[in-house]
Amino acid sequence: MKRIVSVSLGSSKRNHTATTEVLGEEIVVERIGTDGSLDKAVAMIRELDGHVDAFGLGGIDLYVYAGGRRYKFRDAQKMADAARISPVVDGSGLKNTLERRVVEWVDKNVLPLRGKKVLLVSSVDRFGMAEALNSAGADMLYGDLMFGLGIGIPVRKLSTVATLARLILPVLTRLPFQWVYPTGEKQNVRIPKYADQYRWADIIAGDWLYISRHLPDNIDGKVILTNTVTAANVEELRERGAAMLITTTPNLGGRSFGTNLMEGLIVAAAGKKPEDMTPADYEDWLDRIGFTPRVERFGVAAAD
């Protein structure tokens, strides 16, 4: 039996363990939060190194992408360096493959995306989703400055995101990660903000913690395209009036895990080093395993 562990800077209140079967083999997937403590995360990775088949880095990105360039977060590198034996992934391999496929699948099978108004809360950490939504003809609004830096300026073009990234990310990636992303107990705090942008959108897409951080009380008829939701998060969306939830990762044991954990599962199944995995490898293993998106309709009509 394989064991995949996501060590997360997020709240321990979101911890979860599930057992699934992949190609005839039982695999335990586990998410362990360290409540914002980088030191605790590093210590946990060192302790489990060699005893798990793969690590996922949760609540933090090792890499973000924009304009064909890759930027690395220093804090995430500290976590990755703590493992000497077990492979470490951050989910970017799946964000470049699985999330593109999910957008294409949604466009064909669930909701035509051309002309839909989409608020993507952050594109640099969901570059595959951003490019796929843009290619599908959606009317895009990128919230990288708003949700990542608290600067209330929406961006309308991916090329503008790339330009801003070249200016900002070389500095930002060297700062403490909690400055740009909710970690620990901050993940349990909601401060409604950017109501006009949420109201404008037909579809609210991207990282769940960014979405939920400023979620309005009323999101009647909205479609949420995200990842890593718990049963409580699903109920929250239902109560606030969402029409539909689509997660890029499947429902395992009552919740959808992050792309980092699912990528760890694929790397462990493939038996390859993460650096040796190509997009074609991920595509092949996604076909073999047969991951399917999770779709929940809440009985409210979504925008046609």
C-alpha atoms as a PDB file:
ATOM      1  CA  MET A   1       0.000   0.000   0.000  1.00  0.00           C
ATOM      2  CA  LYS A   2       1.375   3.392  -1.001  1.00  0.00           C
ATOM      3  CA  ARG A   3       1.084   6.489   1.195  1.00  0.00           C
ATOM      4  CA  ILE A   4       1.027  10.028  -0.185  1.00  0.00           C
ATOM      5  CA  VAL A   5       1.200  12.912   2.294  1.00  0.00           C
ATOM      6  CA  SER A   6       0.535  16.576   1.686  1.00  0.00           C
ATOM      7  CA  VAL A   7       2.353  18.638   4.314  1.00  0.00           C
ATOM      8  CA  SER A   8       0.539  21.961   4.325  1.00  0.00           C
ATOM      9  CA  LEU A   9       1.146  25.379   5.834  1.00  0.00           C
ATOM     10  CA  GLY A  10      -2.624  25.563   6.131  1.00  0.00           C
ATOM     11  CA  SER A  11      -4.929  25.030   9.072  1.00  0.00           C
ATOM     12  CA  SER A  12      -4.926  21.637  10.782  1.00  0.00           C
ATOM     13  CA  LYS A  13      -8.726  21.945  10.890  1.00  0.00           C
ATOM     14  CA  ARG A  14      -8.732  20.962   7.213  1.00  0.00           C
ATOM     15  CA  ASN A  15      -6.810  17.710   7.803  1.00  0.00           C
ATOM     16  CA  HIS A  16      -8.185  14.616   6.102  1.00  0.00           C
ATOM     17  CA  THR A  17      -7.200  11.066   5.205  1.00  0.00           C
ATOM     18  CA  ALA A  18      -8.737   8.828   2.569  1.00  0.00           C
ATOM     19  CA  THR A  19      -7.981   5.483   0.964  1.00  0.00           C
ATOM     20  CA  THR A  20      -8.486   5.008  -2.744  1.00  0.00           C
ATOM     21  CA  GLU A  21      -7.679   2.335  -5.293  1.00  0.00           C
ATOM     22  CA  VAL A  22      -5.547   3.229  -8.288  1.00  0.00           C
ATOM     23  CA  LEU A  23      -4.963   0.594 -10.962  1.00  0.00           C
ATOM     24  CA  GLY A  24      -5.666  -2.194  -8.484  1.00  0.00           C
ATOM     25  CA  GLU A  25      -3.450  -0.860  -5.696  1.00  0.00           C
ATOM     26  CA  GLU A  26      -4.677   0.719  -2.465  1.00  0.00           C
ATOM     27  CA  ILE A  27      -3.251   4.179  -1.815  1.00  0.00           C
ATOM     28  CA  VAL A  28      -3.625   6.272   1.327  1.00  0.00           C
ATOM     29  CA  VAL A  29      -3.742  10.017   0.702  1.00  0.00           C
ATOM     30  CA  GLU A  30      -3.332  12.288   3.698  1.00  0.00           C
ATOM     31  CA  ARG A  31      -3.330  16.046   4.235  1.00  0.00           C
ATOM     32  CA  ILE A  32      -1.562  17.355   7.390  1.00  0.00           C
ATOM     33  CA  GLY A  33      -1.686  21.056   8.226  1.00  0.00           C
ATOM     34  CA  THR A  34       0.949  22.824  10.338  1.00  0.00           C
ATOM     35  CA  ASP A  35      -1.123  25.948  11.138  1.00  0.00           C
ATOM     36  CA  GLY A  36       1.209  28.285   9.301  1.00  0.00           C
ATOM     37  CA  SER A  37       4.457  27.011  10.829  1.00  0.00           C
ATOM     38  CA  LEU A  38       7.204  26.621   8.234  1.00  0.00           C
ATOM     39  CA  ASP A  39       9.526  25.108  10.853  1.00  0.00           C
ATOM     40  CA  LYS A  40       6.946  22.475  11.772  1.00  0.00           C
ATOM     41  CA  ALA A  41       6.391  21.658   8.102  1.00  0.00           C
ATOM     42  CA  VAL A  42      10.120  21.207   7.501  1.00  0.00           C
ATOM     43  CA  ALA A  43      10.449  19.012  10.615  1.00  0.00           C
ATOM     44  CA  MET A  44       7.497  16.852   9.559  1.00  0.00           C
ATOM     45  CA  ILE A  45       8.918  16.294   6.075  1.00  0.00           C
ATOM     46  CA  ARG A  46      12.267  15.291   7.560  1.00  0.00           C
ATOM     47  CA  GLU A  47      10.557  12.884   9.950  1.00  0.00           C
ATOM     48  CA  LEU A  48       8.439  11.210   7.248  1.00  0.00           C
ATOM     49  CA  ASP A  49      11.103  11.233   4.533  1.00  0.00           C
ATOM     50  CA  GLY A  50      11.657   7.729   3.236  1.00  0.00           C
ATOM     51  CA  HIS A  51       8.505   6.458   4.960  1.00  0.00           C
ATOM     52  CA  VAL A  52       6.059   7.860   2.397  1.00  0.00           C
ATOM     53  CA  ASP A  53       5.968   7.322  -1.353  1.00  0.00           C
ATOM     54  CA  ALA A  54       5.626  11.010  -2.203  1.00  0.00           C
ATOM     55  CA  PHE A  55       5.147  14.394  -0.576  1.00  0.00           C
ATOM     56  CA  GLY A  56       2.887  17.167  -1.759  1.00  0.00           C
ATOM     57  CA  LEU A  57       3.584  20.730  -0.678  1.00  0.00           C
ATOM     58  CA  GLY A  58       0.260  22.132   0.513  1.00  0.00           C
ATOM     59  CA  GLY A  59      -0.776  25.696   1.273  1.00  0.00           C
ATOM     60  CA  ILE A  60       2.243  26.958  -0.659  1.00  0.00           C
ATOM     61  CA  ASP A  61       3.535  26.996  -4.234  1.00  0.00           C
ATOM     62  CA  LEU A  62       7.044  25.962  -5.130  1.00  0.00           C
ATOM     63  CA  TYR A  63       6.617  27.327  -8.641  1.00  0.00           C
ATOM     64  CA  VAL A  64       4.337  29.909 -10.245  1.00  0.00           C
ATOM     65  CA  TYR A  65       4.289  30.677 -13.954  1.00  0.00           C
ATOM     66  CA  ALA A  66       3.534  33.635 -16.208  1.00  0.00           C
ATOM     67  CA  GLY A  67       4.470  34.477 -19.776  1.00  0.00           C
ATOM     68  CA  GLY A  68       6.378  31.227 -20.227  1.00  0.00           C
ATOM     69  CA  ARG A  69       8.626  31.946 -17.226  1.00  0.00           C
ATOM     70  CA  ARG A  70       8.876  30.020 -13.963  1.00  0.00           C
ATOM     71  CA  TYR A  71       9.357  31.648 -10.561  1.00  0.00           C
ATOM     72  CA  LYS A  72      10.292  29.765  -7.372  1.00  0.00           C
ATOM     73  CA  PHE A  73       9.208  30.628  -3.810  1.00  0.00           C
ATOM     74  CA  ARG A  74      12.099  30.500  -1.326  1.00  0.00           C
ATOM     75  CA  ASP A  75       9.960  29.265   1.594  1.00  0.00           C
ATOM     76  CA  ALA A  76       8.651  26.358  -0.488  1.00  0.00           C
ATOM     77  CA  GLN A  77      12.202  25.433  -1.481  1.00  0.00           C
ATOM     78  CA  LYS A  78      13.065  25.110   2.220  1.00  0.00           C
ATOM     79  CA  MET A  79      10.267  22.562   2.572  1.00  0.00           C
ATOM     80  CA  ALA A  80      11.255  20.661  -0.567  1.00  0.00           C
ATOM     81  CA  ASP A  81      14.919  20.504   0.517  1.00  0.00           C
ATOM     82  CA  ALA A  82      13.905  18.752   3.759  1.00  0.00           C
ATOM     83  CA  ALA A  83      13.192  15.556   1.797  1.00  0.00           C
ATOM     84  CA  ARG A  84      16.201  13.549   0.696  1.00  0.00           C
ATOM     85  CA  ILE A  85      14.523  10.256  -0.256  1.00  0.00           C
ATOM     86  CA  SER A  86      10.813  10.666  -0.981  1.00  0.00           C
ATOM     87  CA  PRO A  87       9.897  12.722  -4.087  1.00  0.00           C
ATOM     88  CA  VAL A  88       8.324  16.152  -3.551  1.00  0.00           C
ATOM     89  CA  VAL A  89       5.770  17.845  -5.816  1.00  0.00           C
ATOM     90  CA  ASP A  90       3.768  21.059  -5.557  1.00  0.00           C
ATOM     91  CA  GLY A  91       0.922  20.357  -7.987  1.00  0.00           C
ATOM     92  CA  SER A  92       2.235  22.429 -10.888  1.00  0.00           C
ATOM     93  CA  GLY A  93       2.520  19.348 -13.109  1.00  0.00           C
ATOM     94  CA  LEU A  94      -1.212  18.736 -12.785  1.00  0.00           C
ATOM     95  CA  LYS A  95      -2.101  22.406 -13.047  1.00  0.00           C
ATOM     96  CA  ASN A  96      -0.466  22.326 -16.472  1.00  0.00           C
ATOM     97  CA  THR A  97      -2.275  19.163 -17.595  1.00  0.00           C
ATOM     98  CA  LEU A  98      -5.289  18.083 -15.525  1.00  0.00           C
ATOM     99  CA  GLU A  99      -6.684  21.598 -15.116  1.00  0.00           C
ATOM    100  CA  ARG A 100      -6.446  22.286 -18.846  1.00  0.00           C
ATOM    101  CA  ARG A 101      -8.330  19.059 -19.499  1.00  0.00           C
ATOM    102  CA  VAL A 102     -10.998  19.921 -16.936  1.00  0.00           C
ATOM    103  CA  VAL A 103     -11.645  23.312 -18.558  1.00  0.00           C
ATOM    104  CA  GLU A 104     -11.993  21.644 -21.971  1.00  0.00           C
ATOM    105  CA  TRP A 105     -14.285  18.980 -20.467  1.00  0.00           C
ATOM    106  CA  VAL A 106     -16.481  21.597 -18.793  1.00  0.00           C
ATOM    107  CA  ASP A 107     -16.745  23.527 -22.066  1.00  0.00           C
ATOM    108  CA  LYS A 108     -17.904  20.421 -23.943  1.00  0.00           C
ATOM    109  CA  ASN A 109     -19.989  18.644 -21.315  1.00  0.00           C
ATOM    110  CA  VAL A 110     -21.245  21.040 -18.657  1.00  0.00           C
ATOM    111  CA  LEU A 111     -21.268  24.698 -19.625  1.00  0.00           C
ATOM    112  CA  PRO A 112     -20.156  26.375 -22.873  1.00  0.00           C
ATOM    113  CA  LEU A 113     -17.474  28.859 -21.856  1.00  0.00           C
ATOM    114  CA  ARG A 114     -17.364  31.246 -24.827  1.00  0.00           C
ATOM    115  CA  GLY A 115     -18.530  34.653 -23.654  1.00  0.00           C
ATOM    116  CA  LYS A 116     -18.879  33.595 -20.014  1.00  0.00           C
ATOM    117  CA  LYS A 117     -17.604  36.132 -17.510  1.00  0.00           C
ATOM    118  CA  VAL A 118     -14.872  34.442 -15.465  1.00  0.00           C
ATOM    119  CA  LEU A 119     -13.143  35.836 -12.381  1.00  0.00           C
ATOM    120  CA  LEU A 120      -9.912  33.852 -12.000  1.00  0.00           C
ATOM    121  CA  VAL A 121      -8.666  34.870  -8.568  1.00  0.00           C
ATOM    122  CA  SER A 122      -5.030  34.107  -9.374  1.00  0.00           C
ATOM    123  CA  SER A 123      -3.560  33.047 -12.691  1.00  0.00           C
ATOM    124  CA  VAL A 124       0.147  32.690 -11.869  1.00  0.00           C
ATOM    125  CA  ASP A 125      -0.590  29.627  -9.707  1.00  0.00           C
ATOM    126  CA  ARG A 126      -3.201  28.249 -12.168  1.00  0.00           C
ATOM    127  CA  PHE A 127      -1.511  28.992 -15.466  1.00  0.00           C
ATOM    128  CA  GLY A 128      -2.962  25.930 -17.216  1.00  0.00           C
ATOM    129  CA  MET A 129      -6.495  26.895 -16.176  1.00  0.00           C
ATOM    130  CA  ALA A 130      -5.882  30.528 -17.184  1.00  0.00           C
ATOM    131  CA  GLU A 131      -4.664  29.634 -20.663  1.00  0.00           C
ATOM    132  CA  ALA A 132      -7.428  27.095 -21.221  1.00  0.00           C
ATOM    133  CA  LEU A 133     -10.197  29.489 -20.152  1.00  0.00           C
ATOM    134  CA  ASN A 134      -8.711  32.187 -22.351  1.00  0.00           C
ATOM    135  CA  SER A 135      -8.516  29.778 -25.318  1.00  0.00           C
ATOM    136  CA  ALA A 136     -12.153  28.765 -24.766  1.00  0.00           C
ATOM    137  CA  GLY A 137     -13.208  32.346 -25.412  1.00  0.00           C
ATOM    138  CA  ALA A 138     -14.253  33.295 -21.877  1.00  0.00           C
ATOM    139  CA  ASP A 139     -14.440  36.974 -20.909  1.00  0.00           C
ATOM    140  CA  MET A 140     -11.618  36.993 -18.361  1.00  0.00           C
ATOM    141  CA  LEU A 141     -10.821  39.041 -15.292  1.00  0.00           C
ATOM    142  CA  TYR A 142      -7.570  38.090 -13.536  1.00  0.00           C
ATOM    143  CA  GLY A 143      -7.429  38.849  -9.805  1.00  0.00           C
ATOM    144  CA  ASP A 144      -3.704  38.353  -9.152  1.00  0.00           C
ATOM    145  CA  LEU A 145      -3.110  41.882  -7.850  1.00  0.00           C
ATOM    146  CA  MET A 146      -6.351  41.893  -5.861  1.00  0.00           C
ATOM    147  CA  PHE A 147      -6.243  38.519  -4.155  1.00  0.00           C
ATOM    148  CA  GLY A 148      -2.461  38.098  -3.952  1.00  0.00           C
ATOM    149  CA  LEU A 149      -1.356  41.625  -3.049  1.00  0.00           C
ATOM    150  CA  GLY A 150      -4.532  43.368  -1.871  1.00  0.00           C
ATOM    151  CA  ILE A 151      -4.295  45.916  -4.698  1.00  0.00           C
ATOM    152  CA  GLY A 152      -7.811  46.521  -5.997  1.00  0.00           C
ATOM    153  CA  ILE A 153      -6.931  46.565  -9.690  1.00  0.00           C
ATOM    154  CA  PRO A 154      -8.428  43.859 -11.913  1.00  0.00           C
ATOM    155  CA  VAL A 155      -6.393  42.737 -14.932  1.00  0.00           C
ATOM    156  CA  ARG A 156      -8.087  41.870 -18.217  1.00  0.00           C
ATOM    157  CA  LYS A 157      -5.255  40.362 -20.300  1.00  0.00           C
ATOM    158  CA  LEU A 158      -2.893  37.450 -19.674  1.00  0.00           C
ATOM    159  CA  SER A 159      -0.135  39.417 -21.385  1.00  0.00           C
ATOM    160  CA  THR A 160      -0.534  42.105 -18.709  1.00  0.00           C
ATOM    161  CA  VAL A 161      -0.247  39.444 -15.992  1.00  0.00           C
ATOM    162  CA  ALA A 162       3.018  38.279 -17.571  1.00  0.00           C
ATOM    163  CA  THR A 163       4.405  41.825 -17.637  1.00  0.00           C
ATOM    164  CA  LEU A 164       3.482  42.434 -14.013  1.00  0.00           C
ATOM    165  CA  ALA A 165       4.940  39.049 -13.034  1.00  0.00           C
ATOM    166  CA  ARG A 166       8.325  39.913 -14.531  1.00  0.00           C
ATOM    167  CA  LEU A 167       8.393  43.060 -12.421  1.00  0.00           C
ATOM    168  CA  ILE A 168       6.991  41.718  -9.148  1.00  0.00           C
ATOM    169  CA  LEU A 169       7.605  37.980  -8.772  1.00  0.00           C
ATOM    170  CA  PRO A 170      11.442  38.010  -8.589  1.00  0.00           C
ATOM    171  CA  VAL A 171      11.083  40.040  -5.363  1.00  0.00           C
ATOM    172  CA  LEU A 172       7.824  38.559  -4.078  1.00  0.00           C
ATOM    173  CA  THR A 173       9.061  34.968  -4.209  1.00  0.00           C
ATOM    174  CA  ARG A 174      11.840  35.810  -1.743  1.00  0.00           C
ATOM    175  CA  LEU A 175       9.436  37.150   0.892  1.00  0.00           C
ATOM    176  CA  PRO A 176       7.614  35.076   3.543  1.00  0.00           C
ATOM    177  CA  PHE A 177       4.867  33.177   1.740  1.00  0.00           C
ATOM    178  CA  GLN A 178       2.186  34.129   4.281  1.00  0.00           C
ATOM    179  CA  TRP A 179       2.453  37.701   3.030  1.00  0.00           C
ATOM    180  CA  VAL A 180       0.693  36.701  -0.210  1.00  0.00           C
ATOM    181  CA  TYR A 181      -1.390  33.650   0.727  1.00  0.00           C
ATOM    182  CA  PRO A 182      -3.560  32.753   3.734  1.00  0.00           C
ATOM    183  CA  THR A 183      -1.849  30.184   5.953  1.00  0.00           C
ATOM    184  CA  GLY A 184      -2.753  28.677   9.327  1.00  0.00           C
ATOM    185  CA  GLU A 185      -5.796  30.186  11.024  1.00  0.00           C
ATOM    186  CA  LYS A 186      -6.037  32.878   8.326  1.00  0.00           C
ATOM    187  CA  GLN A 187      -7.576  30.149   6.178  1.00  0.00           C
ATOM    188  CA  ASN A 188     -10.614  30.151   8.457  1.00  0.00           C
ATOM    189  CA  VAL A 189     -11.210  33.909   8.246  1.00  0.00           C
ATOM    190  CA  ARG A 190     -13.560  35.466   5.671  1.00  0.00           C
ATOM    191  CA  ILE A 191     -13.504  39.193   4.970  1.00  0.00           C
ATOM    192  CA  PRO A 192     -16.010  40.060   2.191  1.00  0.00           C
ATOM    193  CA  LYS A 193     -14.315  42.219  -0.425  1.00  0.00           C
ATOM    194  CA  TYR A 194     -14.311  42.864  -4.172  1.00  0.00           C
ATOM    195  CA  ALA A 195     -18.109  42.490  -4.293  1.00  0.00           C
ATOM    196  CA  ASP A 196     -18.332  44.133  -7.726  1.00  0.00           C
ATOM    197  CA  GLN A 197     -15.964  41.594  -9.273  1.00  0.00           C
ATOM    198  CA  TYR A 198     -17.727  38.615  -7.673  1.00  0.00           C
ATOM    199  CA  ARG A 199     -21.102  40.023  -8.805  1.00  0.00           C
ATOM    200  CA  TRP A 200     -19.856  40.569 -12.375  1.00  0.00           C
ATOM    201  CA  ALA A 201     -18.716  36.986 -12.842  1.00  0.00           C
ATOM    202  CA  ASP A 202     -20.735  34.025 -14.091  1.00  0.00           C
ATOM    203  CA  ILE A 203     -17.902  31.717 -13.020  1.00  0.00           C
ATOM    204  CA  ILE A 204     -15.544  32.202 -10.066  1.00  0.00           C
ATOM    205  CA  ALA A 205     -12.426  30.130 -10.645  1.00  0.00           C
ATOM    206  CA  GLY A 206      -9.089  29.291  -9.080  1.00  0.00           C
ATOM    207  CA  ASP A 207      -7.646  28.487  -5.692  1.00  0.00           C
ATOM    208  CA  TRP A 208     -10.380  27.850  -3.118  1.00  0.00           C
ATOM    209  CA  LEU A 209      -8.711  29.710  -0.258  1.00  0.00           C
ATOM    210  CA  TYR A 210      -8.370  32.834  -2.386  1.00  0.00           C
ATOM    211  CA  ILE A 211     -12.010  32.487  -3.487  1.00  0.00           C
ATOM    212  CA  SER A 212     -13.360  31.945   0.016  1.00  0.00           C
ATOM    213  CA  ARG A 213     -11.196  34.589   1.695  1.00  0.00           C
ATOM    214  CA  HIS A 214     -13.350  37.438   0.323  1.00  0.00           C
ATOM    215  CA  LEU A 215     -16.508  35.548  -0.663  1.00  0.00           C
ATOM    216  CA  PRO A 216     -19.701  37.659  -0.452  1.00  0.00           C
ATOM    217  CA  ASP A 217     -22.694  36.504   1.555  1.00  0.00           C
ATOM    218  CA  ASN A 218     -24.702  36.084  -1.647  1.00  0.00           C
ATOM    219  CA  ILE A 219     -23.366  34.325  -4.752  1.00  0.00           C
ATOM    220  CA  ASP A 220     -26.713  33.403  -6.305  1.00  0.00           C
ATOM    221  CA  GLY A 221     -26.359  31.495  -9.560  1.00  0.00           C
ATOM    222  CA  LYS A 222     -22.562  31.468  -9.637  1.00  0.00           C
ATOM    223  CA  VAL A 223     -20.503  28.512 -10.843  1.00  0.00           C
ATOM    224  CA  ILE A 224     -17.407  27.765  -8.741  1.00  0.00           C
ATOM    225  CA  LEU A 225     -14.471  26.081 -10.498  1.00  0.00           C
ATOM    226  CA  THR A 226     -11.842  25.209  -7.905  1.00  0.00           C
ATOM    227  CA  ASN A 227     -10.051  22.506  -5.895  1.00  0.00           C
ATOM    228  CA  THR A 228      -9.515  21.318  -2.306  1.00  0.00           C
ATOM    229  CA  VAL A 229     -12.953  21.764  -0.800  1.00  0.00           C
ATOM    230  CA  THR A 230     -14.218  20.108   2.368  1.00  0.00           C
ATOM    231  CA  ALA A 231     -17.783  19.038   3.095  1.00  0.00           C
ATOM    232  CA  ALA A 232     -18.203  22.251   5.126  1.00  0.00           C
ATOM    233  CA  ASN A 233     -17.029  24.337   2.155  1.00  0.00           C
ATOM    234  CA  VAL A 234     -19.589  22.641  -0.097  1.00  0.00           C
ATOM    235  CA  GLU A 235     -22.360  23.403   2.387  1.00  0.00           C
ATOM    236  CA  GLU A 236     -21.190  27.023   2.576  1.00  0.00           C
ATOM    237  CA  LEU A 237     -21.517  27.366  -1.191  1.00  0.00           C
ATOM    238  CA  ARG A 238     -24.968  25.836  -1.087  1.00  0.00           C
ATOM    239  CA  GLU A 239     -26.096  28.246   1.635  1.00  0.00           C
ATOM    240  CA  ARG A 240     -24.740  31.283  -0.221  1.00  0.00           C
ATOM    241  CA  GLY A 241     -26.693  30.410  -3.361  1.00  0.00           C
ATOM    242  CA  ALA A 242     -24.071  28.944  -5.714  1.00  0.00           C
ATOM    243  CA  ALA A 243     -25.564  27.087  -8.666  1.00  0.00           C
ATOM    244  CA  MET A 244     -22.767  24.597  -9.232  1.00  0.00           C
ATOM    245  CA  LEU A 245     -19.414  23.412  -7.896  1.00  0.00           C
ATOM    246  CA  ILE A 246     -16.808  21.877 -10.192  1.00  0.00           C
ATOM    247  CA  THR A 247     -13.541  20.633  -8.708  1.00  0.00           C
ATOM    248  CA  THR A 248     -10.559  19.723 -10.840  1.00  0.00           C
ATOM    249  CA  THR A 249      -9.716  16.799  -8.565  1.00  0.00           C
ATOM    250  CA  PRO A 250     -12.101  13.945  -7.714  1.00  0.00           C
ATOM    251  CA  ASN A 251     -14.108  13.427  -4.535  1.00  0.00           C
ATOM    252  CA  LEU A 252     -12.180  11.108  -2.209  1.00  0.00           C
ATOM    253  CA  GLY A 253     -13.718  10.279   1.143  1.00  0.00           C
ATOM    254  CA  GLY A 254     -16.036  13.278   1.144  1.00  0.00           C
ATOM    255  CA  ARG A 255     -13.641  16.002  -0.052  1.00  0.00           C
ATOM    256  CA  SER A 256     -11.522  17.072  -2.985  1.00  0.00           C
ATOM    257  CA  PHE A 257      -7.802  17.101  -2.271  1.00  0.00           C
ATOM    258  CA  GLY A 258      -5.299  19.570  -3.702  1.00  0.00           C
ATOM    259  CA  THR A 259      -3.437  19.122  -6.960  1.00  0.00           C
ATOM    260  CA  ASN A 260      -0.194  18.669  -4.999  1.00  0.00           C
ATOM    261  CA  LEU A 261      -1.526  15.500  -3.370  1.00  0.00           C
ATOM    262  CA  MET A 262      -2.974  14.146  -6.601  1.00  0.00           C
ATOM    263  CA  GLU A 263       0.308  14.861  -8.389  1.00  0.00           C
ATOM    264  CA  GLY A 264       2.142  12.965  -5.662  1.00  0.00           C
ATOM    265  CA  LEU A 265      -0.185  10.031  -6.261  1.00  0.00           C
ATOM    266  CA  ILE A 266       0.621  10.029  -9.988  1.00  0.00           C
ATOM    267  CA  VAL A 267       4.384  10.356  -9.458  1.00  0.00           C
ATOM    268  CA  ALA A 268       4.314   7.468  -6.966  1.00  0.00           C
ATOM    269  CA  ALA A 269       2.268   5.327  -9.360  1.00  0.00           C
ATOM    270  CA  ALA A 270       4.629   6.119 -12.232  1.00  0.00           C
ATOM    271  CA  GLY A 271       7.707   5.344 -10.127  1.00  0.00           C
ATOM    272  CA  LYS A 272       9.592   8.270 -11.675  1.00  0.00           C
ATOM    273  CA  LYS A 273      11.316  11.317 -10.251  1.00  0.00           C
ATOM    274  CA  PRO A 274       9.199  14.486 -10.539  1.00  0.00           C
ATOM    275  CA  GLU A 275      11.891  16.184 -12.614  1.00  0.00           C
ATOM    276  CA  ASP A 276      11.690  13.313 -15.123  1.00  0.00           C
ATOM    277  CA  MET A 277       7.925  13.605 -15.576  1.00  0.00           C
ATOM    278  CA  THR A 278       6.886  15.338 -18.795  1.00  0.00           C
ATOM    279  CA  PRO A 279       3.450  16.760 -19.668  1.00  0.00           C
ATOM    280  CA  ALA A 280       2.988  13.702 -21.871  1.00  0.00           C
ATOM    281  CA  ASP A 281       3.690  11.447 -18.865  1.00  0.00           C
ATOM    282  CA  TYR A 282       1.036  13.222 -16.807  1.00  0.00           C
ATOM    283  CA  GLU A 283      -1.432  12.986 -19.690  1.00  0.00           C
ATOM    284  CA  ASP A 284      -0.729   9.253 -20.008  1.00  0.00           C
ATOM    285  CA  TRP A 285      -1.216   8.579 -16.296  1.00  0.00           C
ATOM    286  CA  LEU A 286      -4.337  10.716 -16.151  1.00  0.00           C
ATOM    287  CA  ASP A 287      -5.760   8.553 -18.940  1.00  0.00           C
ATOM    288  CA  ARG A 288      -4.750   5.351 -17.144  1.00  0.00           C
ATOM    289  CA  ILE A 289      -6.140   6.360 -13.763  1.00  0.00           C
ATOM    290  CA  GLY A 290      -9.260   7.974 -15.172  1.00  0.00           C
ATOM    291  CA  PHE A 291      -9.563  10.977 -12.855  1.00  0.00           C
ATOM    292  CA  THR A 292     -12.866  12.730 -13.468  1.00  0.00           C
ATOM    293  CA  PRO A 293     -13.943  16.188 -12.286  1.00  0.00           C
ATOM    294  CA  ARG A 294     -16.407  16.462  -9.434  1.00  0.00           C
ATOM    295  CA  VAL A 295     -19.627  18.284 -10.368  1.00  0.00           C
ATOM    296  CA  GLU A 296     -22.285  19.207  -7.811  1.00  0.00           C
ATOM    297  CA  ARG A 297     -25.412  21.096  -8.788  1.00  0.00           C
ATOM    298  CA  PHE A 298     -27.207  22.958  -6.009  1.00  0.00           C
ATOM    299  CA  GLY A 299     -30.610  23.308  -7.634  1.00  0.00           C
ATOM    300  CA  VAL A 300     -30.057  26.909  -8.744  1.00  0.00           C
ATOM    301  CA  ALA A 301     -29.932  27.666 -12.441  1.00  0.00           C
ATOM    302  CA  ALA A 302     -26.476  28.704 -13.666  1.00  0.00           C
ATOM    303  CA  ALA A 303     -26.049  31.383 -16.310  1.00  0.00           C
ATOM    304  CA  ASP A 304     -26.576  29.958 -19.803  1.00  0.00           C
END
